[in-house]
Amino acid sequence: MTSFRLGALAGALIAVSFPALAHVSFENGQATPNSTYKATLRIPHGCGGKPTLKLRVRIPEGIVAVKPMPKAGWKLETAKGAYVRAYQVHGEAVSEGVTDIVWTGSLDDAHYDEFVFQARFTDAYQPGATVFFPVVQECDGTTEEWTQVPAEGQDPHSLTSPAPGVRIIAATGAAPTPVKVGSLTLEQPWSRATPGGAKVGGGYLRITNTGTAPDRLIGGSFALASKVEVHEMKLEGDVMRMKPVEGGLEIKPGATVELKPGGLHLMFMDLKEPLKEGQVLKGTLTFEKAGPIEVEYNVRGMGGAAPAEHKH
């Protein structure tokens, strides 16, 4: 099979996601780790008015169990190769598989069509990453190479021929394992996605003290913030206001305290960049007696009142 032209691309590249506009794109741009994904690749046009005669898709490292769907009127070919490492699929180690898919046929520039394959995302990709599938569209005497990937911090809209990408998000309802340190148990830390330009975000979780002595949450750290504070919502007259909890938040013996929207919560101050749905961001919570405890926050979609809308 003719070699796949990737330019400076090397394997699977990870960056931010972006809208496809008139570009080659996937119908469903999201997937979860360790899951089977139906990839429907949308081809909106040919190359400069010429019909598409061949479509090549490169499968990134970490994407396994690839099964392309035959397409009426098109010849289907695949190339196979060894993976960089073995991956576990349903309890079995998989060390090689499909690395390229090629459909050969004819699609007029004025027509739209879809090309489908099934694949499995391994744990090589975690929520917050975007996996890019380089695509080369060959036409009569010319090509369109959809292989560009935004560099760190680059505006994805500046790309003229972006590779179609799939963003990895946390599985719905998936809850991280509770963190237990001494008599404290920390459950389900999460945050909300924030709009562009927002300088604050909210953090939420459940804290249980199974000991015989009280402890106190006095602060912490967050990957994308300069400071973490414990805040509370209080009704002052007919206005709900938010203010820091002076002296920290007490966790009494045998008590469970839930930090949630509209009540006690964490504030991530001076955000360096917006929080995006599907991210998993590290931080610490500092207790008076237990000391610093490492946690990971799952970023969920926007909903309800965002932290930036609270009145201080």
Protein backbone atom coordinates (compact mmCIF):
# COMPACT_ATOMS: atom_id res chain seq x y z
CA MET A 1 0.00 0.00 0.00
CA THR A 2 1.28 3.51 -0.79
CA SER A 3 2.95 5.06 2.25
CA PHE A 4 0.91 7.56 4.24
CA ARG A 5 2.19 11.17 4.02
CA LEU A 6 2.23 12.69 7.48
CA GLY A 7 4.79 15.47 7.18
CA ALA A 8 5.99 16.30 10.67
CA LEU A 9 3.30 14.26 12.41
CA ALA A 10 4.46 11.47 14.73
CA GLY A 11 1.88 9.03 16.10
CA ALA A 12 -1.12 10.22 18.05
CA LEU A 13 -1.06 13.90 18.86
CA ILE A 14 -2.94 15.45 21.74
CA ALA A 15 -4.20 19.03 22.03
CA VAL A 16 -7.39 21.04 22.28
CA SER A 17 -10.49 20.20 20.27
CA PHE A 18 -11.96 22.47 17.57
CA PRO A 19 -15.04 22.81 15.36
CA ALA A 20 -14.83 21.15 11.97
CA LEU A 21 -16.58 23.80 9.85
CA ALA A 22 -16.12 22.63 6.21
CA HIS A 23 -13.26 20.34 7.16
CA VAL A 24 -13.16 16.55 7.31
CA SER A 25 -14.52 15.67 10.76
CA PHE A 26 -16.08 12.97 12.93
CA GLU A 27 -19.83 12.95 13.46
CA ASN A 28 -19.29 12.17 17.14
CA GLY A 29 -16.29 14.08 18.46
CA GLN A 30 -16.22 12.51 21.94
CA ALA A 31 -15.25 9.16 23.45
CA THR A 32 -14.41 7.71 26.86
CA PRO A 33 -11.30 5.76 27.91
CA ASN A 34 -11.40 1.96 27.55
CA SER A 35 -14.47 2.07 25.31
CA THR A 36 -15.49 1.06 21.79
CA TYR A 37 -16.10 4.01 19.48
CA LYS A 38 -18.03 4.17 16.20
CA ALA A 39 -16.09 6.58 14.01
CA THR A 40 -18.18 8.20 11.29
CA LEU A 41 -15.84 10.29 9.15
CA ARG A 42 -17.65 13.04 7.21
CA ILE A 43 -16.32 14.10 3.78
CA PRO A 44 -18.02 17.38 2.82
CA HIS A 45 -16.34 18.03 -0.55
CA GLY A 46 -13.61 17.00 -2.98
CA CYS A 47 -10.27 18.71 -3.74
CA GLY A 48 -10.67 22.07 -5.45
CA GLY A 49 -13.74 20.95 -7.35
CA LYS A 50 -12.36 17.52 -8.28
CA PRO A 51 -13.93 14.22 -7.12
CA THR A 52 -12.46 12.21 -4.23
CA LEU A 53 -10.94 8.95 -5.49
CA LYS A 54 -9.18 7.65 -2.39
CA LEU A 55 -9.44 8.26 1.35
CA ARG A 56 -6.63 7.28 3.73
CA VAL A 57 -6.96 7.27 7.51
CA ARG A 58 -3.99 6.79 9.88
CA ILE A 59 -4.86 5.07 13.19
CA PRO A 60 -2.94 6.60 16.14
CA GLU A 61 -1.02 4.51 18.67
CA GLY A 62 -3.29 3.53 21.57
CA ILE A 63 -6.33 2.96 19.32
CA VAL A 64 -6.89 -0.79 18.87
CA ALA A 65 -9.42 -3.38 17.63
CA VAL A 66 -10.04 -1.34 14.47
CA LYS A 67 -12.72 -2.72 12.11
CA PRO A 68 -13.54 -0.65 9.00
CA MET A 69 -16.99 -0.92 7.44
CA PRO A 70 -17.09 -1.95 3.74
CA LYS A 71 -18.73 0.66 1.53
CA ALA A 72 -20.78 -0.15 -1.55
CA GLY A 73 -18.92 0.81 -4.70
CA TRP A 74 -15.61 1.31 -2.87
CA LYS A 75 -12.58 -0.98 -2.50
CA LEU A 76 -11.46 -1.39 1.12
CA GLU A 77 -7.84 -2.03 2.18
CA THR A 78 -6.05 -2.02 5.53
CA ALA A 79 -2.43 -2.07 6.66
CA LYS A 80 -1.41 -3.77 9.90
CA GLY A 81 1.58 -3.33 12.17
CA ALA A 82 2.97 -3.79 15.65
CA TYR A 83 2.01 -1.39 18.45
CA VAL A 84 4.64 0.40 20.52
CA ARG A 85 3.37 -1.60 23.49
CA ALA A 86 0.73 -4.21 24.23
CA TYR A 87 -2.76 -3.11 25.35
CA GLN A 88 -5.29 -5.00 27.43
CA VAL A 89 -8.61 -5.62 25.65
CA HIS A 90 -11.19 -7.71 27.52
CA GLY A 91 -8.40 -9.30 29.57
CA GLU A 92 -6.19 -10.18 26.61
CA ALA A 93 -2.95 -8.49 25.54
CA VAL A 94 -3.09 -7.01 22.02
CA SER A 95 0.25 -6.09 20.46
CA GLU A 96 -0.62 -5.45 16.79
CA GLY A 97 -3.51 -4.36 14.63
CA VAL A 98 -4.76 -2.04 11.89
CA THR A 99 -2.63 1.08 11.43
CA ASP A 100 -4.13 2.46 8.19
CA ILE A 101 -7.48 2.27 6.39
CA VAL A 102 -7.89 3.05 2.67
CA TRP A 103 -11.15 3.36 0.72
CA THR A 104 -10.85 3.65 -3.08
CA GLY A 105 -13.77 4.70 -5.28
CA SER A 106 -15.30 7.95 -6.52
CA LEU A 107 -17.19 10.75 -4.77
CA ASP A 108 -18.16 13.82 -6.76
CA ASP A 109 -17.15 17.19 -5.33
CA ALA A 110 -20.80 18.24 -5.20
CA HIS A 111 -21.72 15.26 -3.01
CA TYR A 112 -21.32 14.46 0.70
CA ASP A 113 -20.60 11.03 2.14
CA GLU A 114 -19.52 9.20 5.30
CA PHE A 115 -16.92 6.50 5.94
CA VAL A 116 -17.25 4.34 9.05
CA PHE A 117 -14.96 2.24 11.22
CA GLN A 118 -15.08 0.86 14.74
CA ALA A 119 -12.18 1.21 17.17
CA ARG A 120 -11.37 0.94 20.84
CA PHE A 121 -9.79 3.76 22.84
CA THR A 122 -7.38 2.33 25.41
CA ASP A 123 -6.30 3.81 28.71
CA ALA A 124 -3.44 5.49 26.84
CA TYR A 125 -5.83 8.45 26.57
CA GLN A 126 -7.48 10.05 29.59
CA PRO A 127 -10.22 12.71 29.93
CA GLY A 128 -9.09 16.10 28.67
CA ALA A 129 -6.98 14.77 25.78
CA THR A 130 -7.89 14.97 22.10
CA VAL A 131 -6.78 12.19 19.74
CA PHE A 132 -6.17 13.19 16.13
CA PHE A 133 -6.59 10.90 13.11
CA PRO A 134 -4.60 12.22 10.11
CA VAL A 135 -6.55 11.87 6.86
CA VAL A 136 -5.38 12.22 3.26
CA GLN A 137 -8.05 12.80 0.60
CA GLU A 138 -6.74 11.93 -2.90
CA CYS A 139 -8.48 13.39 -5.93
CA ASP A 140 -7.77 13.49 -9.67
CA GLY A 141 -4.20 14.84 -9.77
CA THR A 142 -4.36 16.61 -6.41
CA THR A 143 -4.77 15.91 -2.68
CA GLU A 144 -6.13 17.41 0.51
CA GLU A 145 -4.04 16.51 3.58
CA TRP A 146 -6.06 16.89 6.79
CA THR A 147 -3.07 16.42 9.08
CA GLN A 148 -2.50 19.70 10.94
CA VAL A 149 -2.61 19.67 14.75
CA PRO A 150 -2.57 22.82 16.93
CA ALA A 151 0.56 23.34 18.99
CA GLU A 152 0.32 24.06 22.71
CA GLY A 153 -1.52 27.36 23.12
CA GLN A 154 -2.20 27.77 19.39
CA ASP A 155 -5.60 28.95 18.22
CA PRO A 156 -7.06 25.87 16.43
CA HIS A 157 -9.06 28.13 14.13
CA SER A 158 -5.79 29.27 12.57
CA LEU A 159 -5.28 25.83 10.99
CA THR A 160 -6.22 25.49 7.32
CA SER A 161 -6.21 21.66 7.12
CA PRO A 162 -6.86 20.32 10.64
CA ALA A 163 -6.80 16.59 11.34
CA PRO A 164 -10.17 15.35 12.63
CA GLY A 165 -10.06 14.78 16.37
CA VAL A 166 -11.93 12.94 19.11
CA ARG A 167 -11.96 14.48 22.60
CA ILE A 168 -11.73 12.10 25.55
CA ILE A 169 -14.27 12.70 28.31
CA ALA A 170 -15.01 10.95 31.59
CA ALA A 171 -17.62 8.20 31.44
CA THR A 172 -21.07 9.35 32.55
CA GLY A 173 -21.63 8.48 36.17
CA ALA A 174 -18.05 7.34 36.65
CA ALA A 175 -16.90 8.19 40.15
CA PRO A 176 -13.26 8.12 41.26
CA THR A 177 -12.22 5.88 44.12
CA PRO A 178 -12.66 7.66 47.48
CA VAL A 179 -9.44 9.03 48.97
CA LYS A 180 -8.87 7.92 52.56
CA VAL A 181 -6.23 9.50 54.77
CA GLY A 182 -6.39 8.77 58.48
CA SER A 183 -9.93 9.37 59.69
CA LEU A 184 -10.91 11.45 56.63
CA THR A 185 -12.61 10.15 53.48
CA LEU A 186 -12.85 12.43 50.41
CA GLU A 187 -15.38 11.44 47.73
CA GLN A 188 -16.17 12.55 44.16
CA PRO A 189 -14.22 15.82 43.75
CA TRP A 190 -15.57 17.69 40.72
CA SER A 191 -15.78 21.09 39.12
CA ARG A 192 -17.72 22.84 36.36
CA ALA A 193 -16.51 24.03 33.00
CA THR A 194 -16.02 27.80 32.93
CA PRO A 195 -16.60 30.31 30.11
CA GLY A 196 -13.64 31.92 28.39
CA GLY A 197 -12.15 34.75 30.41
CA ALA A 198 -13.54 33.54 33.76
CA LYS A 199 -11.07 34.07 36.60
CA VAL A 200 -12.74 31.85 39.20
CA GLY A 201 -14.04 28.29 39.29
CA GLY A 202 -15.82 26.13 41.84
CA GLY A 203 -14.81 22.87 43.48
CA TYR A 204 -17.15 20.36 45.10
CA LEU A 205 -16.81 17.09 47.03
CA ARG A 206 -17.96 15.14 50.09
CA ILE A 207 -15.78 14.90 53.23
CA THR A 208 -16.43 12.39 56.02
CA ASN A 209 -14.65 12.29 59.39
CA THR A 210 -14.79 8.78 60.91
CA GLY A 211 -12.49 9.65 63.81
CA THR A 212 -13.09 10.87 67.34
CA ALA A 213 -11.53 14.32 66.95
CA PRO A 214 -12.47 17.22 64.67
CA ASP A 215 -10.34 18.37 61.76
CA ARG A 216 -10.47 21.55 59.72
CA LEU A 217 -10.16 22.22 55.97
CA ILE A 218 -8.01 25.33 55.74
CA GLY A 219 -7.04 25.58 52.05
CA GLY A 220 -5.36 23.75 49.21
CA SER A 221 -3.99 24.05 45.69
CA PHE A 222 -5.35 23.57 42.16
CA ALA A 223 -3.47 22.95 38.92
CA LEU A 224 -4.87 25.97 37.07
CA ALA A 225 -5.38 28.43 39.95
CA SER A 226 -3.10 30.61 42.05
CA LYS A 227 -5.09 30.02 45.25
CA VAL A 228 -7.85 27.84 46.72
CA GLU A 229 -10.30 29.19 49.30
CA VAL A 230 -13.24 27.68 51.19
CA HIS A 231 -16.39 29.77 50.66
CA GLU A 232 -19.96 29.69 51.89
CA MET A 233 -23.24 31.11 50.62
CA LYS A 234 -25.26 33.19 53.08
CA LEU A 235 -28.53 35.07 52.76
CA GLU A 236 -28.04 38.71 53.77
CA GLY A 237 -31.40 40.42 53.66
CA ASP A 238 -32.88 39.24 50.38
CA VAL A 239 -29.52 38.82 48.62
CA MET A 240 -27.51 35.57 48.57
CA ARG A 241 -23.84 36.42 48.96
CA MET A 242 -20.62 34.43 48.99
CA LYS A 243 -17.77 34.93 51.44
CA PRO A 244 -14.69 33.02 52.67
CA VAL A 245 -15.12 30.71 55.66
CA GLU A 246 -13.02 32.37 58.36
CA GLY A 247 -10.61 30.00 60.10
CA GLY A 248 -11.38 27.10 57.77
CA LEU A 249 -14.20 24.56 57.57
CA GLU A 250 -14.63 22.27 60.59
CA ILE A 251 -15.29 18.57 59.95
CA LYS A 252 -16.73 17.23 63.21
CA PRO A 253 -16.22 13.61 64.40
CA GLY A 254 -18.71 11.27 62.71
CA ALA A 255 -19.92 14.04 60.39
CA THR A 256 -20.12 14.26 56.61
CA VAL A 257 -19.84 17.70 55.01
CA GLU A 258 -20.84 18.14 51.39
CA LEU A 259 -19.38 21.00 49.36
CA LYS A 260 -21.84 21.69 46.53
CA PRO A 261 -23.15 24.47 44.27
CA GLY A 262 -25.21 27.00 46.21
CA GLY A 263 -23.69 26.06 49.59
CA LEU A 264 -20.26 25.45 51.01
CA HIS A 265 -17.74 25.06 48.19
CA LEU A 266 -14.16 25.65 47.10
CA MET A 267 -13.19 28.66 45.03
CA PHE A 268 -10.33 28.35 42.53
CA MET A 269 -8.97 31.89 42.31
CA ASP A 270 -7.17 33.59 39.39
CA LEU A 271 -7.63 30.80 36.85
CA LYS A 272 -4.82 30.61 34.29
CA GLU A 273 -7.18 29.24 31.62
CA PRO A 274 -10.83 28.09 31.36
CA LEU A 275 -11.85 24.72 32.77
CA LYS A 276 -13.02 22.39 30.00
CA GLU A 277 -15.56 19.58 30.21
CA GLY A 278 -13.86 16.18 30.37
CA GLN A 279 -10.66 17.40 31.99
CA VAL A 280 -9.26 15.69 35.09
CA LEU A 281 -7.24 18.25 37.06
CA LYS A 282 -5.03 17.62 40.06
CA GLY A 283 -5.02 19.53 43.32
CA THR A 284 -4.56 19.22 47.05
CA LEU A 285 -6.75 19.90 50.05
CA THR A 286 -4.99 20.98 53.22
CA PHE A 287 -6.36 20.00 56.63
CA GLU A 288 -5.26 21.27 60.01
CA LYS A 289 -4.44 17.77 61.32
CA ALA A 290 -4.40 15.45 58.30
CA GLY A 291 -2.19 17.85 56.32
CA PRO A 292 -2.24 18.05 52.49
CA ILE A 293 -4.21 15.37 50.61
CA GLU A 294 -3.94 14.91 46.84
CA VAL A 295 -7.22 14.83 44.87
CA GLU A 296 -8.34 14.89 41.22
CA TYR A 297 -11.30 16.95 40.02
CA ASN A 298 -13.49 15.74 37.13
CA VAL A 299 -14.66 18.76 35.14
CA ARG A 300 -18.32 18.47 34.15
CA GLY A 301 -20.29 20.60 31.71
CA MET A 302 -21.67 24.03 32.51
CA GLY A 303 -25.01 24.09 34.27
CA GLY A 304 -26.90 26.26 36.71
CA ALA A 305 -25.21 29.36 38.11
CA ALA A 306 -21.49 29.48 37.37
CA PRO A 307 -19.15 30.55 40.17
CA ALA A 308 -18.37 33.77 38.32
CA GLU A 309 -22.04 34.77 38.71
CA HIS A 310 -22.03 34.69 42.52
CA LYS A 311 -22.19 38.06 44.22
CA HIS A 312 -19.28 38.74 46.57
